[in-house]
Protein backbone atom coordinates (compact mmCIF):
# COMPACT_ATOMS: atom_id res chain seq x y z
CA MET A 1 -75.43 -39.21 -47.90
CA THR A 2 -72.67 -40.40 -50.42
CA THR A 3 -70.67 -43.69 -49.78
CA PHE A 4 -67.55 -41.70 -48.98
CA ASN A 5 -69.59 -39.70 -46.36
CA PHE A 6 -70.81 -42.79 -44.82
CA PHE A 7 -67.30 -44.35 -44.40
CA LEU A 8 -66.13 -40.88 -43.20
CA VAL A 9 -68.82 -40.92 -40.55
CA ILE A 10 -67.91 -44.59 -39.37
CA HIS A 11 -64.15 -43.61 -39.34
CA ILE A 12 -64.66 -40.29 -37.22
CA ILE A 13 -67.13 -42.24 -34.69
CA SER A 14 -64.53 -45.07 -34.38
CA GLY A 15 -61.74 -42.84 -33.81
CA LEU A 16 -63.52 -40.92 -30.99
CA ILE A 17 -64.41 -44.22 -29.58
CA CYS A 18 -60.79 -45.48 -29.97
CA LEU A 19 -59.54 -41.98 -28.31
CA ILE A 20 -61.94 -42.64 -25.20
CA THR A 21 -61.60 -46.27 -24.81
CA GLY A 22 -57.90 -46.18 -25.20
CA GLY A 23 -57.65 -43.45 -22.52
CA ILE A 24 -59.48 -45.41 -20.14
CA SER A 25 -57.68 -48.56 -20.84
CA ILE A 26 -54.40 -46.77 -20.51
CA ALA A 27 -55.39 -45.10 -17.23
CA SER A 28 -57.03 -48.17 -15.60
CA ARG A 29 -55.16 -50.79 -13.52
CA LYS A 30 -53.61 -53.24 -15.63
CA ARG A 31 -55.51 -56.52 -14.92
CA LYS A 32 -58.63 -58.16 -15.93
CA GLY A 33 -61.59 -55.97 -15.97
CA MET A 34 -61.82 -52.48 -17.06
CA HIS A 35 -58.35 -52.52 -18.80
CA THR A 36 -59.22 -55.67 -20.87
CA LEU A 37 -62.85 -54.68 -21.67
CA PHE A 38 -61.82 -51.10 -22.88
CA GLY A 39 -58.80 -52.58 -24.69
CA GLU A 40 -61.04 -55.09 -26.64
CA ILE A 41 -63.52 -52.16 -27.57
CA TYR A 42 -60.45 -50.16 -28.47
CA HIS A 43 -59.12 -52.87 -30.92
CA ALA A 44 -62.55 -53.68 -32.26
CA PHE A 45 -63.05 -49.88 -33.34
CA PHE A 46 -59.53 -49.67 -34.54
CA VAL A 47 -60.50 -52.44 -37.03
CA LEU A 48 -63.31 -50.17 -38.21
CA ILE A 49 -60.83 -47.26 -38.55
CA PHE A 50 -58.63 -49.36 -40.53
CA ILE A 51 -61.37 -50.61 -42.77
CA SER A 52 -63.02 -47.16 -43.33
CA SER A 53 -59.70 -45.58 -43.90
CA THR A 54 -58.79 -48.12 -46.53
CA ILE A 55 -61.97 -47.77 -48.45
CA MET A 56 -61.81 -43.98 -48.38
CA SER A 57 -58.27 -43.86 -49.37
CA ILE A 58 -59.16 -46.19 -52.37
CA MET A 59 -62.05 -44.14 -53.20
CA HIS A 60 -59.91 -40.78 -53.36
CA TRP A 61 -56.55 -42.60 -54.49
CA ALA A 62 -55.01 -39.46 -56.13
CA GLU A 63 -55.37 -37.43 -52.97
CA SER A 64 -55.20 -40.05 -50.34
CA ALA A 65 -52.97 -42.80 -51.45
CA TYR A 66 -50.38 -42.08 -48.54
CA LEU A 67 -53.23 -42.55 -46.04
CA LEU A 68 -53.43 -46.11 -46.93
CA PHE A 69 -50.05 -46.80 -45.98
CA ILE A 70 -50.38 -44.75 -42.60
CA GLY A 71 -53.75 -46.82 -41.86
CA ILE A 72 -51.82 -50.07 -42.53
CA PHE A 73 -48.85 -49.11 -40.27
CA SER A 74 -51.21 -48.04 -37.38
CA TYR A 75 -53.26 -50.84 -37.72
CA ALA A 76 -50.44 -53.11 -37.55
CA LEU A 77 -49.30 -51.59 -34.50
CA ALA A 78 -52.57 -52.22 -32.87
CA LEU A 79 -52.67 -55.84 -34.08
CA TYR A 80 -49.19 -56.39 -32.91
CA GLY A 81 -50.25 -55.18 -29.28
CA TYR A 82 -53.28 -57.00 -29.27
CA LEU A 83 -51.98 -60.49 -30.48
CA SER A 84 -48.78 -60.22 -28.26
CA ARG A 85 -51.03 -60.38 -25.39
CA LYS A 86 -53.61 -62.79 -26.68
CA ARG A 87 -50.90 -65.38 -27.90
CA ARG A 88 -48.52 -64.50 -24.79
CA TRP A 89 -45.80 -64.06 -27.33
CA LYS A 90 -42.10 -64.13 -25.64
CA ASN A 91 -41.69 -60.76 -24.09
CA TRP A 92 -45.30 -60.03 -24.71
CA ILE A 93 -45.59 -57.25 -22.00
CA ALA A 94 -43.14 -54.89 -24.09
CA LYS A 95 -44.60 -55.96 -27.33
CA HIS A 96 -48.22 -55.19 -26.05
CA ILE A 97 -47.41 -52.00 -24.44
CA GLY A 98 -45.34 -50.79 -27.71
CA GLY A 99 -48.13 -51.74 -30.17
CA MET A 100 -50.98 -50.50 -28.12
CA LEU A 101 -49.51 -47.17 -27.26
CA GLY A 102 -47.94 -46.88 -30.60
CA SER A 103 -51.13 -47.26 -32.36
CA TYR A 104 -52.74 -44.62 -29.61
CA ILE A 105 -50.22 -42.24 -30.61
CA ALA A 106 -51.44 -42.76 -34.34
CA ILE A 107 -54.93 -41.88 -33.14
CA ILE A 108 -54.02 -38.68 -31.34
CA THR A 109 -51.74 -37.73 -34.63
CA ALA A 110 -54.63 -38.23 -36.88
CA ILE A 111 -56.99 -36.05 -34.69
CA LEU A 112 -54.36 -33.38 -34.22
CA VAL A 113 -53.45 -33.42 -38.00
CA VAL A 114 -57.27 -33.33 -39.18
CA ASN A 115 -58.50 -30.77 -36.26
CA GLY A 116 -55.31 -28.85 -35.43
CA ARG A 117 -56.20 -25.86 -37.28
CA HIS A 118 -59.19 -25.43 -34.70
CA ILE A 119 -57.05 -25.97 -31.79
CA PRO A 120 -55.24 -22.83 -30.16
CA ILE A 121 -51.52 -23.21 -30.17
CA ILE A 122 -51.68 -26.24 -32.23
CA ASN A 123 -53.03 -24.12 -35.04
CA GLU A 124 -49.85 -22.01 -34.91
CA LEU A 125 -47.32 -24.92 -35.28
CA PRO A 126 -46.06 -25.74 -38.81
CA ILE A 127 -48.05 -28.91 -39.92
CA ILE A 128 -44.89 -31.19 -39.90
CA MET A 129 -44.57 -30.39 -36.26
CA VAL A 130 -48.12 -31.50 -35.61
CA TRP A 131 -47.42 -34.82 -37.42
CA PHE A 132 -44.38 -35.48 -35.44
CA ILE A 133 -45.25 -34.17 -31.87
CA PRO A 134 -47.20 -37.02 -30.59
CA THR A 135 -44.48 -39.24 -31.39
CA ILE A 136 -41.73 -37.16 -30.00
CA ILE A 137 -43.71 -37.14 -26.73
CA GLY A 138 -45.26 -40.50 -26.93
CA THR A 139 -42.07 -42.39 -27.58
CA PRO A 140 -40.36 -41.74 -24.27
CA LEU A 141 -43.52 -42.50 -22.44
CA ILE A 142 -43.50 -46.04 -24.03
CA ILE A 143 -40.24 -46.61 -23.05
CA MET A 144 -40.75 -45.53 -19.56
CA VAL A 145 -43.99 -47.66 -19.25
CA THR A 146 -42.45 -50.51 -20.82
CA ASN A 147 -39.55 -50.26 -18.24
CA LYS A 148 -42.02 -49.86 -15.38
CA PHE A 149 -43.88 -53.07 -16.17
CA THR A 150 -41.20 -55.33 -17.62
CA GLN A 151 -38.98 -54.69 -14.43
CA LYS A 152 -41.63 -56.11 -12.12
CA ARG A 153 -41.37 -59.45 -13.87
């Protein structure tokens, strides 16, 4: 196994774990317990995604330089959402929701872009649409969820 393939395997497994744990955290009640446990796991594996994507983009810089910047932005969203809750920044709930769900949109986007050619209906769309559909669908959902949880306070 090459060094690149080693990091690719870590990247794929970490992405799958993020997809699953992020979904569980999103679906669970927003209190200590499942939500926080799976949120912590999500963040830990997002760190691995970020590290592996950084290494792989440097290793194949000519073909993948743009992926480094996407990785930085995606992890910045996850870190912003994670730290806003940990540090209880002003208006932390909205920041937590936006950051964590924004990073989850990035995970879904990456999975669709890489695997879309194997997914019926998705494989018929222009690639530019595959890049933007998760954000187009996810952004209004972030706004709705943020409004729901910030209006309670």
